[in-house]
């Protein structure tokens, strides 16, 4: 059997192809992207706006969010009902009756259809008034916090939504589609 002899040109081509293959595979292995879009829905008379408070949101383009990372988007929730609309309460599962310590079992943030390894959270519990206090609602002498009571024409401060993607998320070249529903309630307990 005769040994294979390589010309200089053949050797350079093999090295170049090997380098390109290595770079391409390294780029693919490091590019775990979760592309997604989201549809925003809300309760009647509750409208979701961009953080500017005037642009109504129908969809959030989160862009590419890689595994083990997160993306954020700020929203404002407003009561857009008329003067006859009853008070709306924005609550979270951390909302509690300050007298009894009982917490809510409902939240105004309700994502659905999230793929495996993807979650949505918000900073509702940590938002504070201008005086540095948590937002609270007082109904029939009982205080609930965090809680925001919205009346016609009023809205929340900017709320930060966080889309988190962990290592169990499956990378995709096509966008994931899921929904975020914002609900208001007639009472601070849902």
Foldseek 3Di string as FASTA:
>chain_A
DDDDDDDPVRVVVVVVVVVVVVVVVVVVVVQQWAWAKAAEAEDPQKFKAFLVVPHTDGMDGQGTDHAQGKGKGKIKIARADDQPDAKWKAEAQCKAFVVPRHGAPDGQKDKPDDAPQKDKDKPQQCDADPVRHAPWDADPNIIIPPMDIHGHPDMDRIMMMMIHGHPVGHGDPDHRYIYIYGYIDNDRRD
